[in-house]
Amino acid sequence: MIAVLRIVTGLMFMEHGTQKLFGFPAPSERGSPELFSLSGIGAVMEFVGGLLVAVGYLPGLWPFCCQARWRWPIGWFMHREAFSRF
């Protein structure tokens, strides 16, 4: 069951990466990002990281790397919201 969960997680990461990069299975609402922008690098990370998770190469490291690019913007937004109430 753990292997099935790992493979499905990898395929989900790959699906989001291919949607952003190639417009497959459904075209992205925002269109394809430029490759060297934050969204483009994130899409490549999701595709490659999902492939490596599905294969089983360091399955604990790649999901952390794929979601790590959201830590700074989310932390900044939460910090700004917390201090805007005063």
Protein backbone atom coordinates (compact mmCIF):
# COMPACT_ATOMS: atom_id res chain seq x y z
CA MET A 1 0.00 0.00 0.00
CA ILE A 2 2.88 2.38 0.66
CA ALA A 3 4.23 1.73 -2.85
CA VAL A 4 0.79 2.48 -4.34
CA LEU A 5 0.59 5.73 -2.35
CA ARG A 6 4.10 6.71 -3.50
CA ILE A 7 3.29 6.00 -7.16
CA VAL A 8 -0.01 7.90 -7.04
CA THR A 9 1.69 10.86 -5.34
CA GLY A 10 4.38 10.89 -8.01
CA LEU A 11 1.80 10.76 -10.79
CA MET A 12 -0.13 13.65 -9.22
CA PHE A 13 3.03 15.78 -9.13
CA MET A 14 3.74 14.83 -12.75
CA GLU A 15 0.18 15.71 -13.78
CA HIS A 16 0.47 19.21 -12.35
CA GLY A 17 3.87 19.68 -13.98
CA THR A 18 2.68 18.54 -17.42
CA GLN A 19 -0.40 20.73 -17.15
CA LYS A 20 1.76 23.79 -16.55
CA LEU A 21 4.46 22.91 -19.09
CA PHE A 22 2.58 21.27 -21.96
CA GLY A 23 -1.11 21.98 -21.37
CA PHE A 24 -1.89 18.28 -20.92
CA PRO A 25 -4.38 16.79 -19.79
CA ALA A 26 -6.16 20.15 -19.66
CA PRO A 27 -4.68 23.49 -20.72
CA SER A 28 -3.76 25.80 -17.89
CA GLU A 29 -5.99 28.85 -17.44
CA ARG A 30 -2.95 31.13 -17.37
CA GLY A 31 -1.18 29.55 -20.33
CA SER A 32 2.33 28.14 -20.34
CA PRO A 33 4.79 29.94 -18.06
CA GLU A 34 8.21 31.09 -19.19
CA LEU A 35 10.71 28.37 -18.43
CA PHE A 36 13.02 30.46 -16.23
CA SER A 37 10.29 32.14 -14.21
CA LEU A 38 9.25 30.94 -10.75
CA SER A 39 6.24 29.15 -12.22
CA GLY A 40 8.31 27.55 -14.97
CA ILE A 41 10.94 26.29 -12.56
CA GLY A 42 8.18 25.01 -10.29
CA ALA A 43 6.56 23.16 -13.19
CA VAL A 44 9.86 21.49 -14.10
CA MET A 45 10.42 20.60 -10.44
CA GLU A 46 6.93 19.08 -10.21
CA PHE A 47 7.39 17.04 -13.37
CA VAL A 48 10.90 15.75 -12.63
CA GLY A 49 10.22 15.34 -8.91
CA GLY A 50 7.00 13.45 -9.60
CA LEU A 51 8.81 11.14 -11.99
CA LEU A 52 11.51 10.44 -9.41
CA VAL A 53 8.95 9.83 -6.64
CA ALA A 54 6.99 7.42 -8.85
CA VAL A 55 10.19 5.54 -9.67
CA GLY A 56 11.17 5.49 -6.00
CA TYR A 57 14.37 7.54 -6.03
CA LEU A 58 14.55 9.43 -2.71
CA PRO A 59 10.76 9.57 -2.30
CA GLY A 60 10.95 11.59 0.92
CA LEU A 61 13.17 14.35 -0.49
CA TRP A 62 11.46 15.26 -3.77
CA PRO A 63 7.98 16.17 -2.46
CA PHE A 64 9.67 18.41 0.12
CA CYS A 65 11.68 20.11 -2.63
CA CYS A 66 8.63 20.51 -4.85
CA GLN A 67 6.56 22.21 -2.17
CA ALA A 68 9.43 24.21 -0.64
CA ARG A 69 9.10 26.99 -3.21
CA TRP A 70 5.76 27.95 -1.59
CA ARG A 71 7.12 28.35 1.94
CA TRP A 72 8.43 31.89 1.53
CA PRO A 73 5.34 33.44 -0.17
CA ILE A 74 2.91 31.76 2.22
CA GLY A 75 4.97 32.79 5.25
CA TRP A 76 5.19 36.36 3.98
CA PHE A 77 1.45 36.53 3.35
CA MET A 78 0.61 35.13 6.80
CA HIS A 79 3.05 37.54 8.46
CA ARG A 80 1.53 40.50 6.59
CA GLU A 81 -2.04 39.45 7.49
CA ALA A 82 -1.15 39.02 11.15
CA PHE A 83 0.25 42.57 11.45
CA SER A 84 -2.41 44.27 9.35
CA ARG A 85 -5.00 43.73 12.10
CA PHE A 86 -3.29 46.11 14.51
